[in-house]
All heavy atoms as atom14 arrays in JSON, in Angstrom:
{
  "sequence": "MAPTCNVWHLLGGLPILSASSFLFAAGLFPGAWIGGLILSRAVLCTN",
  "atom14_mask": [
    [1, 1, 1, 1, 1, 1, 1, 1, 0, 0, 0, 0, 0, 0],
    [1, 1, 1, 1, 1, 0, 0, 0, 0, 0, 0, 0, 0, 0],
    [1, 1, 1, 1, 1, 1, 1, 0, 0, 0, 0, 0, 0, 0],
    [1, 1, 1, 1, 1, 1, 1, 0, 0, 0, 0, 0, 0, 0],
    [1, 1, 1, 1, 1, 1, 0, 0, 0, 0, 0, 0, 0, 0],
    [1, 1, 1, 1, 1, 1, 1, 1, 0, 0, 0, 0, 0, 0],
    [1, 1, 1, 1, 1, 1, 1, 0, 0, 0, 0, 0, 0, 0],
    [1, 1, 1, 1, 1, 1, 1, 1, 1, 1, 1, 1, 1, 1],
    [1, 1, 1, 1, 1, 1, 1, 1, 1, 1, 0, 0, 0, 0],
    [1, 1, 1, 1, 1, 1, 1, 1, 0, 0, 0, 0, 0, 0],
    [1, 1, 1, 1, 1, 1, 1, 1, 0, 0, 0, 0, 0, 0],
    [1, 1, 1, 1, 0, 0, 0, 0, 0, 0, 0, 0, 0, 0],
    [1, 1, 1, 1, 0, 0, 0, 0, 0, 0, 0, 0, 0, 0],
    [1, 1, 1, 1, 1, 1, 1, 1, 0, 0, 0, 0, 0, 0],
    [1, 1, 1, 1, 1, 1, 1, 0, 0, 0, 0, 0, 0, 0],
    [1, 1, 1, 1, 1, 1, 1, 1, 0, 0, 0, 0, 0, 0],
    [1, 1, 1, 1, 1, 1, 1, 1, 0, 0, 0, 0, 0, 0],
    [1, 1, 1, 1, 1, 1, 0, 0, 0, 0, 0, 0, 0, 0],
    [1, 1, 1, 1, 1, 0, 0, 0, 0, 0, 0, 0, 0, 0],
    [1, 1, 1, 1, 1, 1, 0, 0, 0, 0, 0, 0, 0, 0],
    [1, 1, 1, 1, 1, 1, 0, 0, 0, 0, 0, 0, 0, 0],
    [1, 1, 1, 1, 1, 1, 1, 1, 1, 1, 1, 0, 0, 0],
    [1, 1, 1, 1, 1, 1, 1, 1, 0, 0, 0, 0, 0, 0],
    [1, 1, 1, 1, 1, 1, 1, 1, 1, 1, 1, 0, 0, 0],
    [1, 1, 1, 1, 1, 0, 0, 0, 0, 0, 0, 0, 0, 0],
    [1, 1, 1, 1, 1, 0, 0, 0, 0, 0, 0, 0, 0, 0],
    [1, 1, 1, 1, 0, 0, 0, 0, 0, 0, 0, 0, 0, 0],
    [1, 1, 1, 1, 1, 1, 1, 1, 0, 0, 0, 0, 0, 0],
    [1, 1, 1, 1, 1, 1, 1, 1, 1, 1, 1, 0, 0, 0],
    [1, 1, 1, 1, 1, 1, 1, 0, 0, 0, 0, 0, 0, 0],
    [1, 1, 1, 1, 0, 0, 0, 0, 0, 0, 0, 0, 0, 0],
    [1, 1, 1, 1, 1, 0, 0, 0, 0, 0, 0, 0, 0, 0],
    [1, 1, 1, 1, 1, 1, 1, 1, 1, 1, 1, 1, 1, 1],
    [1, 1, 1, 1, 1, 1, 1, 1, 0, 0, 0, 0, 0, 0],
    [1, 1, 1, 1, 0, 0, 0, 0, 0, 0, 0, 0, 0, 0],
    [1, 1, 1, 1, 0, 0, 0, 0, 0, 0, 0, 0, 0, 0],
    [1, 1, 1, 1, 1, 1, 1, 1, 0, 0, 0, 0, 0, 0],
    [1, 1, 1, 1, 1, 1, 1, 1, 0, 0, 0, 0, 0, 0],
    [1, 1, 1, 1, 1, 1, 1, 1, 0, 0, 0, 0, 0, 0],
    [1, 1, 1, 1, 1, 1, 0, 0, 0, 0, 0, 0, 0, 0],
    [1, 1, 1, 1, 1, 1, 1, 1, 1, 1, 1, 0, 0, 0],
    [1, 1, 1, 1, 1, 0, 0, 0, 0, 0, 0, 0, 0, 0],
    [1, 1, 1, 1, 1, 1, 1, 0, 0, 0, 0, 0, 0, 0],
    [1, 1, 1, 1, 1, 1, 1, 1, 0, 0, 0, 0, 0, 0],
    [1, 1, 1, 1, 1, 1, 0, 0, 0, 0, 0, 0, 0, 0],
    [1, 1, 1, 1, 1, 1, 1, 0, 0, 0, 0, 0, 0, 0],
    [1, 1, 1, 1, 1, 1, 1, 1, 0, 0, 0, 0, 0, 0]
  ],
  "atom14_positions": [
    [[103.58, 89.69, 98.12], [103.28, 89.57, 99.54], [101.82, 89.91, 99.82], [101.21, 89.37, 100.74], [104.19, 90.49, 100.35], [105.65, 90.12, 100.3], [106.72, 91.36, 101.09], [106.18, 91.19, 102.8], [0.0, 0.0, 0.0], [0.0, 0.0, 0.0], [0.0, 0.0, 0.0], [0.0, 0.0, 0.0], [0.0, 0.0, 0.0], [0.0, 0.0, 0.0]],
    [[101.22, 90.82, 99.02], [99.88, 91.35, 99.31], [98.77, 90.3, 99.31], [97.94, 90.34, 100.23], [99.55, 92.49, 98.37], [0.0, 0.0, 0.0], [0.0, 0.0, 0.0], [0.0, 0.0, 0.0], [0.0, 0.0, 0.0], [0.0, 0.0, 0.0], [0.0, 0.0, 0.0], [0.0, 0.0, 0.0], [0.0, 0.0, 0.0], [0.0, 0.0, 0.0]],
    [[98.62, 89.36, 98.43], [99.25, 89.27, 97.11], [98.5, 90.09, 96.07], [97.38, 90.51, 96.32], [99.12, 87.77, 96.8], [97.86, 87.36, 97.48], [97.75, 88.21, 98.72], [0.0, 0.0, 0.0], [0.0, 0.0, 0.0], [0.0, 0.0, 0.0], [0.0, 0.0, 0.0], [0.0, 0.0, 0.0], [0.0, 0.0, 0.0], [0.0, 0.0, 0.0]],
    [[99.13, 90.3, 94.94], [98.69, 91.1, 93.79], [98.84, 92.6, 94.05], [99.13, 93.03, 95.16], [97.27, 90.77, 93.31], [96.32, 91.26, 94.25], [97.08, 89.29, 93.11], [0.0, 0.0, 0.0], [0.0, 0.0, 0.0], [0.0, 0.0, 0.0], [0.0, 0.0, 0.0], [0.0, 0.0, 0.0], [0.0, 0.0, 0.0], [0.0, 0.0, 0.0]],
    [[98.6, 93.39, 93.0], [99.01, 94.8, 93.0], [97.84, 95.75, 93.17], [96.71, 95.38, 93.41], [99.73, 95.1, 91.7], [98.63, 95.01, 90.25], [0.0, 0.0, 0.0], [0.0, 0.0, 0.0], [0.0, 0.0, 0.0], [0.0, 0.0, 0.0], [0.0, 0.0, 0.0], [0.0, 0.0, 0.0], [0.0, 0.0, 0.0], [0.0, 0.0, 0.0]],
    [[98.15, 97.06, 93.01], [97.14, 98.11, 93.18], [96.05, 98.03, 92.12], [94.87, 98.27, 92.41], [97.81, 99.48, 93.15], [98.48, 99.78, 91.82], [99.11, 98.91, 91.2], [98.37, 101.01, 91.35], [0.0, 0.0, 0.0], [0.0, 0.0, 0.0], [0.0, 0.0, 0.0], [0.0, 0.0, 0.0], [0.0, 0.0, 0.0], [0.0, 0.0, 0.0]],
    [[96.39, 97.7, 90.88], [95.39, 97.62, 89.83], [94.37, 96.54, 90.15], [93.15, 96.74, 90.05], [96.06, 97.35, 88.46], [95.01, 97.11, 87.39], [96.95, 98.52, 88.07], [0.0, 0.0, 0.0], [0.0, 0.0, 0.0], [0.0, 0.0, 0.0], [0.0, 0.0, 0.0], [0.0, 0.0, 0.0], [0.0, 0.0, 0.0], [0.0, 0.0, 0.0]],
    [[94.85, 95.39, 90.57], [93.98, 94.26, 90.89], [93.05, 94.59, 92.06], [91.86, 94.32, 92.02], [94.84, 93.05, 91.21], [94.1, 91.76, 91.28], [93.8, 91.04, 92.4], [93.57, 91.0, 90.18], [93.12, 89.88, 92.07], [92.97, 89.84, 90.71], [93.56, 91.2, 88.81], [92.35, 88.88, 89.92], [92.94, 90.25, 88.01], [92.35, 89.11, 88.56]],
    [[93.63, 95.19, 93.1], [92.84, 95.48, 94.3], [91.95, 96.71, 94.12], [90.76, 96.68, 94.47], [93.76, 95.69, 95.5], [94.24, 94.42, 96.11], [93.4, 93.49, 96.68], [95.5, 93.91, 96.25], [94.1, 92.47, 97.15], [95.37, 92.7, 96.91], [0.0, 0.0, 0.0], [0.0, 0.0, 0.0], [0.0, 0.0, 0.0], [0.0, 0.0, 0.0]],
    [[92.49, 97.81, 93.6], [91.72, 99.05, 93.53], [90.71, 99.05, 92.4], [89.59, 99.55, 92.56], [92.66, 100.25, 93.38], [93.7, 100.46, 94.49], [94.45, 101.76, 94.29], [93.06, 100.42, 95.88], [0.0, 0.0, 0.0], [0.0, 0.0, 0.0], [0.0, 0.0, 0.0], [0.0, 0.0, 0.0], [0.0, 0.0, 0.0], [0.0, 0.0, 0.0]],
    [[91.08, 98.52, 91.25], [90.2, 98.58, 90.09], [89.37, 97.31, 89.92], [88.46, 97.28, 89.09], [91.0, 98.84, 88.81], [91.94, 100.05, 88.85], [92.46, 100.36, 87.47], [91.27, 101.26, 89.46], [0.0, 0.0, 0.0], [0.0, 0.0, 0.0], [0.0, 0.0, 0.0], [0.0, 0.0, 0.0], [0.0, 0.0, 0.0], [0.0, 0.0, 0.0]],
    [[89.7, 96.26, 90.66], [88.95, 95.02, 90.57], [88.32, 94.62, 91.88], [87.12, 94.38, 91.97], [0.0, 0.0, 0.0], [0.0, 0.0, 0.0], [0.0, 0.0, 0.0], [0.0, 0.0, 0.0], [0.0, 0.0, 0.0], [0.0, 0.0, 0.0], [0.0, 0.0, 0.0], [0.0, 0.0, 0.0], [0.0, 0.0, 0.0], [0.0, 0.0, 0.0]],
    [[89.14, 94.57, 92.94], [88.65, 94.11, 94.23], [87.73, 95.09, 94.94], [86.68, 94.71, 95.47], [0.0, 0.0, 0.0], [0.0, 0.0, 0.0], [0.0, 0.0, 0.0], [0.0, 0.0, 0.0], [0.0, 0.0, 0.0], [0.0, 0.0, 0.0], [0.0, 0.0, 0.0], [0.0, 0.0, 0.0], [0.0, 0.0, 0.0], [0.0, 0.0, 0.0]],
    [[88.11, 96.36, 94.99], [87.27, 97.35, 95.67], [85.87, 97.45, 95.07], [84.88, 97.55, 95.82], [87.94, 98.73, 95.66], [89.06, 98.97, 96.67], [89.5, 100.42, 96.63], [88.62, 98.6, 98.09], [0.0, 0.0, 0.0], [0.0, 0.0, 0.0], [0.0, 0.0, 0.0], [0.0, 0.0, 0.0], [0.0, 0.0, 0.0], [0.0, 0.0, 0.0]],
    [[85.71, 97.44, 93.73], [84.36, 97.54, 93.17], [83.42, 96.4, 93.55], [82.2, 96.57, 93.49], [84.61, 97.55, 91.65], [85.96, 98.17, 91.52], [86.73, 97.62, 92.68], [0.0, 0.0, 0.0], [0.0, 0.0, 0.0], [0.0, 0.0, 0.0], [0.0, 0.0, 0.0], [0.0, 0.0, 0.0], [0.0, 0.0, 0.0], [0.0, 0.0, 0.0]],
    [[83.96, 95.25, 93.95], [83.06, 94.19, 94.43], [83.13, 94.07, 95.95], [82.66, 93.1, 96.53], [83.37, 92.83, 93.76], [84.73, 92.29, 94.18], [83.28, 92.93, 92.24], [84.96, 90.85, 93.78], [0.0, 0.0, 0.0], [0.0, 0.0, 0.0], [0.0, 0.0, 0.0], [0.0, 0.0, 0.0], [0.0, 0.0, 0.0], [0.0, 0.0, 0.0]],
    [[83.75, 95.08, 96.57], [83.86, 95.16, 98.04], [84.61, 93.97, 98.62], [84.17, 93.33, 99.59], [82.48, 95.29, 98.67], [81.58, 96.41, 98.15], [80.32, 96.54, 99.0], [82.31, 97.73, 98.07], [0.0, 0.0, 0.0], [0.0, 0.0, 0.0], [0.0, 0.0, 0.0], [0.0, 0.0, 0.0], [0.0, 0.0, 0.0], [0.0, 0.0, 0.0]],
    [[85.76, 93.68, 98.04], [86.63, 92.63, 98.56], [87.3, 93.11, 99.84], [87.9, 94.19, 99.88], [87.7, 92.27, 97.53], [88.78, 91.57, 98.11], [0.0, 0.0, 0.0], [0.0, 0.0, 0.0], [0.0, 0.0, 0.0], [0.0, 0.0, 0.0], [0.0, 0.0, 0.0], [0.0, 0.0, 0.0], [0.0, 0.0, 0.0], [0.0, 0.0, 0.0]],
    [[87.2, 92.32, 100.9], [87.78, 92.72, 102.19], [89.3, 92.84, 102.1], [89.89, 93.76, 102.69], [87.4, 91.7, 103.26], [0.0, 0.0, 0.0], [0.0, 0.0, 0.0], [0.0, 0.0, 0.0], [0.0, 0.0, 0.0], [0.0, 0.0, 0.0], [0.0, 0.0, 0.0], [0.0, 0.0, 0.0], [0.0, 0.0, 0.0], [0.0, 0.0, 0.0]],
    [[89.95, 91.94, 101.38], [91.4, 92.01, 101.25], [91.83, 93.28, 100.51], [92.88, 93.86, 100.8], [91.93, 90.78, 100.52], [91.41, 90.69, 99.21], [0.0, 0.0, 0.0], [0.0, 0.0, 0.0], [0.0, 0.0, 0.0], [0.0, 0.0, 0.0], [0.0, 0.0, 0.0], [0.0, 0.0, 0.0], [0.0, 0.0, 0.0], [0.0, 0.0, 0.0]],
    [[91.0, 93.74, 99.57], [91.32, 94.96, 98.82], [91.2, 96.2, 99.7], [91.97, 97.15, 99.55], [90.4, 95.08, 97.6], [90.59, 93.99, 96.72], [0.0, 0.0, 0.0], [0.0, 0.0, 0.0], [0.0, 0.0, 0.0], [0.0, 0.0, 0.0], [0.0, 0.0, 0.0], [0.0, 0.0, 0.0], [0.0, 0.0, 0.0], [0.0, 0.0, 0.0]],
    [[90.24, 96.19, 100.62], [90.14, 97.3, 101.57], [91.38, 97.36, 102.46], [91.9, 98.44, 102.76], [88.88, 97.16, 102.43], [87.62, 97.62, 101.76], [86.67, 96.71, 101.34], [87.39, 98.98, 101.54], [85.51, 97.13, 100.72], [86.23, 99.41, 100.91], [85.28, 98.49, 100.49], [0.0, 0.0, 0.0], [0.0, 0.0, 0.0], [0.0, 0.0, 0.0]],
    [[91.87, 96.2, 102.88], [93.09, 96.17, 103.69], [94.29, 96.65, 102.89], [95.14, 97.39, 103.4], [93.33, 94.76, 104.22], [92.41, 94.27, 105.33], [92.7, 92.82, 105.67], [92.55, 95.14, 106.57], [0.0, 0.0, 0.0], [0.0, 0.0, 0.0], [0.0, 0.0, 0.0], [0.0, 0.0, 0.0], [0.0, 0.0, 0.0], [0.0, 0.0, 0.0]],
    [[94.38, 96.23, 101.63], [95.47, 96.68, 100.77], [95.45, 98.19, 100.64], [96.48, 98.86, 100.77], [95.35, 96.04, 99.39], [96.43, 96.43, 98.43], [97.61, 95.71, 98.35], [96.27, 97.52, 97.58], [98.62, 96.07, 97.46], [97.27, 97.9, 96.7], [98.45, 97.17, 96.64], [0.0, 0.0, 0.0], [0.0, 0.0, 0.0], [0.0, 0.0, 0.0]],
    [[94.28, 98.77, 100.39], [94.15, 100.22, 100.25], [94.51, 100.94, 101.55], [95.14, 102.0, 101.53], [92.74, 100.58, 99.82], [0.0, 0.0, 0.0], [0.0, 0.0, 0.0], [0.0, 0.0, 0.0], [0.0, 0.0, 0.0], [0.0, 0.0, 0.0], [0.0, 0.0, 0.0], [0.0, 0.0, 0.0], [0.0, 0.0, 0.0], [0.0, 0.0, 0.0]],
    [[94.14, 100.34, 102.68], [94.46, 100.93, 103.98], [95.96, 100.99, 104.2], [96.46, 101.92, 104.85], [93.8, 100.13, 105.1], [0.0, 0.0, 0.0], [0.0, 0.0, 0.0], [0.0, 0.0, 0.0], [0.0, 0.0, 0.0], [0.0, 0.0, 0.0], [0.0, 0.0, 0.0], [0.0, 0.0, 0.0], [0.0, 0.0, 0.0], [0.0, 0.0, 0.0]],
    [[96.69, 100.03, 103.68], [98.15, 100.06, 103.78], [98.79, 100.94, 102.73], [99.85, 101.54, 102.96], [0.0, 0.0, 0.0], [0.0, 0.0, 0.0], [0.0, 0.0, 0.0], [0.0, 0.0, 0.0], [0.0, 0.0, 0.0], [0.0, 0.0, 0.0], [0.0, 0.0, 0.0], [0.0, 0.0, 0.0], [0.0, 0.0, 0.0], [0.0, 0.0, 0.0]],
    [[98.14, 101.05, 101.57], [98.7, 101.8, 100.45], [98.88, 103.28, 100.77], [99.9, 103.89, 100.42], [97.8, 101.63, 99.23], [98.31, 102.18, 97.9], [99.52, 101.38, 97.42], [97.21, 102.13, 96.84], [0.0, 0.0, 0.0], [0.0, 0.0, 0.0], [0.0, 0.0, 0.0], [0.0, 0.0, 0.0], [0.0, 0.0, 0.0], [0.0, 0.0, 0.0]],
    [[97.91, 103.88, 101.45], [97.96, 105.32, 101.72], [99.14, 105.71, 102.62], [99.92, 106.58, 102.25], [96.63, 105.79, 102.32], [95.59, 106.13, 101.28], [94.8, 105.14, 100.73], [95.43, 107.43, 100.84], [93.86, 105.44, 99.76], [94.49, 107.75, 99.87], [93.7, 106.76, 99.32], [0.0, 0.0, 0.0], [0.0, 0.0, 0.0], [0.0, 0.0, 0.0]],
    [[99.31, 105.1, 103.79], [100.49, 105.47, 104.59], [101.8, 105.09, 103.91], [102.8, 105.79, 104.06], [100.29, 104.7, 105.9], [99.35, 103.59, 105.57], [98.45, 104.13, 104.51], [0.0, 0.0, 0.0], [0.0, 0.0, 0.0], [0.0, 0.0, 0.0], [0.0, 0.0, 0.0], [0.0, 0.0, 0.0], [0.0, 0.0, 0.0], [0.0, 0.0, 0.0]],
    [[101.79, 104.0, 103.15], [103.01, 103.63, 102.42], [103.39, 104.68, 101.4], [104.57, 105.05, 101.27], [0.0, 0.0, 0.0], [0.0, 0.0, 0.0], [0.0, 0.0, 0.0], [0.0, 0.0, 0.0], [0.0, 0.0, 0.0], [0.0, 0.0, 0.0], [0.0, 0.0, 0.0], [0.0, 0.0, 0.0], [0.0, 0.0, 0.0], [0.0, 0.0, 0.0]],
    [[102.39, 105.19, 100.66], [102.66, 106.23, 99.67], [103.14, 107.51, 100.35], [103.98, 108.24, 99.8], [101.39, 106.49, 98.85], [0.0, 0.0, 0.0], [0.0, 0.0, 0.0], [0.0, 0.0, 0.0], [0.0, 0.0, 0.0], [0.0, 0.0, 0.0], [0.0, 0.0, 0.0], [0.0, 0.0, 0.0], [0.0, 0.0, 0.0], [0.0, 0.0, 0.0]],
    [[102.61, 107.79, 101.53], [103.06, 108.97, 102.28], [104.53, 108.84, 102.66], [105.32, 109.78, 102.46], [102.2, 109.14, 103.53], [102.64, 110.28, 104.41], [102.58, 111.62, 104.12], [103.22, 110.18, 105.72], [103.09, 112.36, 105.17], [103.48, 111.51, 106.17], [103.51, 109.1, 106.55], [104.05, 111.77, 107.41], [104.07, 109.37, 107.8], [104.33, 110.69, 108.21]],
    [[104.91, 107.67, 103.16], [106.32, 107.43, 103.51], [107.18, 107.52, 102.24], [108.26, 108.12, 102.24], [106.49, 106.05, 104.17], [105.77, 106.0, 105.52], [107.97, 105.71, 104.33], [106.35, 106.92, 106.56], [0.0, 0.0, 0.0], [0.0, 0.0, 0.0], [0.0, 0.0, 0.0], [0.0, 0.0, 0.0], [0.0, 0.0, 0.0], [0.0, 0.0, 0.0]],
    [[106.7, 106.92, 101.15], [107.45, 106.99, 99.9], [107.63, 108.42, 99.44], [108.7, 108.79, 98.92], [0.0, 0.0, 0.0], [0.0, 0.0, 0.0], [0.0, 0.0, 0.0], [0.0, 0.0, 0.0], [0.0, 0.0, 0.0], [0.0, 0.0, 0.0], [0.0, 0.0, 0.0], [0.0, 0.0, 0.0], [0.0, 0.0, 0.0], [0.0, 0.0, 0.0]],
    [[106.6, 109.25, 99.6], [106.7, 110.65, 99.22], [107.74, 111.4, 100.04], [108.48, 112.24, 99.51], [0.0, 0.0, 0.0], [0.0, 0.0, 0.0], [0.0, 0.0, 0.0], [0.0, 0.0, 0.0], [0.0, 0.0, 0.0], [0.0, 0.0, 0.0], [0.0, 0.0, 0.0], [0.0, 0.0, 0.0], [0.0, 0.0, 0.0], [0.0, 0.0, 0.0]],
    [[107.81, 111.1, 101.34], [108.82, 111.74, 102.18], [110.23, 111.37, 101.72], [111.12, 112.22, 101.63], [108.62, 111.32, 103.65], [107.38, 111.86, 104.37], [107.34, 111.33, 105.79], [107.39, 113.39, 104.38], [0.0, 0.0, 0.0], [0.0, 0.0, 0.0], [0.0, 0.0, 0.0], [0.0, 0.0, 0.0], [0.0, 0.0, 0.0], [0.0, 0.0, 0.0]],
    [[110.43, 110.09, 101.44], [111.75, 109.64, 100.97], [112.08, 110.29, 99.65], [113.2, 110.77, 99.43], [111.78, 108.1, 100.84], [111.54, 107.44, 102.2], [113.11, 107.63, 100.25], [111.36, 105.93, 102.13], [0.0, 0.0, 0.0], [0.0, 0.0, 0.0], [0.0, 0.0, 0.0], [0.0, 0.0, 0.0], [0.0, 0.0, 0.0], [0.0, 0.0, 0.0]],
    [[111.11, 110.31, 98.74], [111.33, 110.88, 97.41], [111.7, 112.35, 97.49], [112.64, 112.81, 96.83], [110.07, 110.69, 96.56], [110.17, 111.15, 95.11], [111.05, 110.19, 94.31], [108.77, 111.21, 94.49], [0.0, 0.0, 0.0], [0.0, 0.0, 0.0], [0.0, 0.0, 0.0], [0.0, 0.0, 0.0], [0.0, 0.0, 0.0], [0.0, 0.0, 0.0]],
    [[110.97, 113.11, 98.27], [111.18, 114.55, 98.33], [112.45, 114.93, 99.06], [113.14, 115.88, 98.68], [109.97, 115.24, 98.97], [109.81, 114.81, 100.32], [0.0, 0.0, 0.0], [0.0, 0.0, 0.0], [0.0, 0.0, 0.0], [0.0, 0.0, 0.0], [0.0, 0.0, 0.0], [0.0, 0.0, 0.0], [0.0, 0.0, 0.0], [0.0, 0.0, 0.0]],
    [[112.8, 114.18, 100.1], [113.94, 114.57, 100.93], [115.26, 113.93, 100.54], [116.33, 114.5, 100.78], [113.64, 114.24, 102.39], [112.44, 115.01, 102.94], [112.17, 114.69, 104.39], [111.0, 115.43, 104.88], [110.54, 115.38, 106.12], [111.18, 114.62, 107.02], [109.48, 116.06, 106.49], [0.0, 0.0, 0.0], [0.0, 0.0, 0.0], [0.0, 0.0, 0.0]],
    [[115.2, 112.74, 99.95], [116.44, 112.03, 99.64], [116.73, 111.89, 98.16], [117.85, 111.6, 97.78], [116.4, 110.63, 100.27], [0.0, 0.0, 0.0], [0.0, 0.0, 0.0], [0.0, 0.0, 0.0], [0.0, 0.0, 0.0], [0.0, 0.0, 0.0], [0.0, 0.0, 0.0], [0.0, 0.0, 0.0], [0.0, 0.0, 0.0], [0.0, 0.0, 0.0]],
    [[115.73, 112.11, 97.3], [115.93, 111.86, 95.88], [115.83, 113.13, 95.04], [116.75, 113.5, 94.32], [114.91, 110.82, 95.35], [115.14, 110.56, 93.86], [115.02, 109.52, 96.13], [0.0, 0.0, 0.0], [0.0, 0.0, 0.0], [0.0, 0.0, 0.0], [0.0, 0.0, 0.0], [0.0, 0.0, 0.0], [0.0, 0.0, 0.0], [0.0, 0.0, 0.0]],
    [[114.7, 113.83, 95.12], [114.45, 114.96, 94.23], [114.96, 116.28, 94.75], [115.27, 117.17, 93.98], [112.95, 115.08, 93.96], [112.3, 113.89, 93.24], [110.81, 114.13, 93.09], [112.93, 113.68, 91.87], [0.0, 0.0, 0.0], [0.0, 0.0, 0.0], [0.0, 0.0, 0.0], [0.0, 0.0, 0.0], [0.0, 0.0, 0.0], [0.0, 0.0, 0.0]],
    [[115.01, 116.43, 96.06], [115.37, 117.72, 96.65], [116.87, 117.83, 96.83], [117.48, 117.05, 97.55], [114.66, 117.9, 97.99], [114.85, 119.55, 98.66], [0.0, 0.0, 0.0], [0.0, 0.0, 0.0], [0.0, 0.0, 0.0], [0.0, 0.0, 0.0], [0.0, 0.0, 0.0], [0.0, 0.0, 0.0], [0.0, 0.0, 0.0], [0.0, 0.0, 0.0]],
    [[117.47, 118.82, 96.17], [118.92, 119.01, 96.27], [119.28, 119.97, 97.4], [120.44, 120.13, 97.71], [119.49, 119.57, 94.95], [118.8, 120.79, 94.63], [119.3, 118.58, 93.82], [0.0, 0.0, 0.0], [0.0, 0.0, 0.0], [0.0, 0.0, 0.0], [0.0, 0.0, 0.0], [0.0, 0.0, 0.0], [0.0, 0.0, 0.0], [0.0, 0.0, 0.0]],
    [[118.29, 120.59, 97.99], [118.51, 121.49, 99.12], [117.72, 120.99, 100.33], [116.55, 121.32, 100.48], [118.05, 122.92, 98.79], [118.86, 123.51, 97.66], [120.07, 123.53, 97.7], [118.16, 124.0, 96.64], [0.0, 0.0, 0.0], [0.0, 0.0, 0.0], [0.0, 0.0, 0.0], [0.0, 0.0, 0.0], [0.0, 0.0, 0.0], [0.0, 0.0, 0.0]]
  ]
}
């Protein structure tokens, strides 16, 4: 959907200042935060 992944955008696109890669990174941070909340509260935490 992005299209392509974090490696392509962060390690390839960002170094040449690709605009689409900046947008991908902007979405990646809040997404990872939401993923962390789900992981900690619903998966790893037994209490």
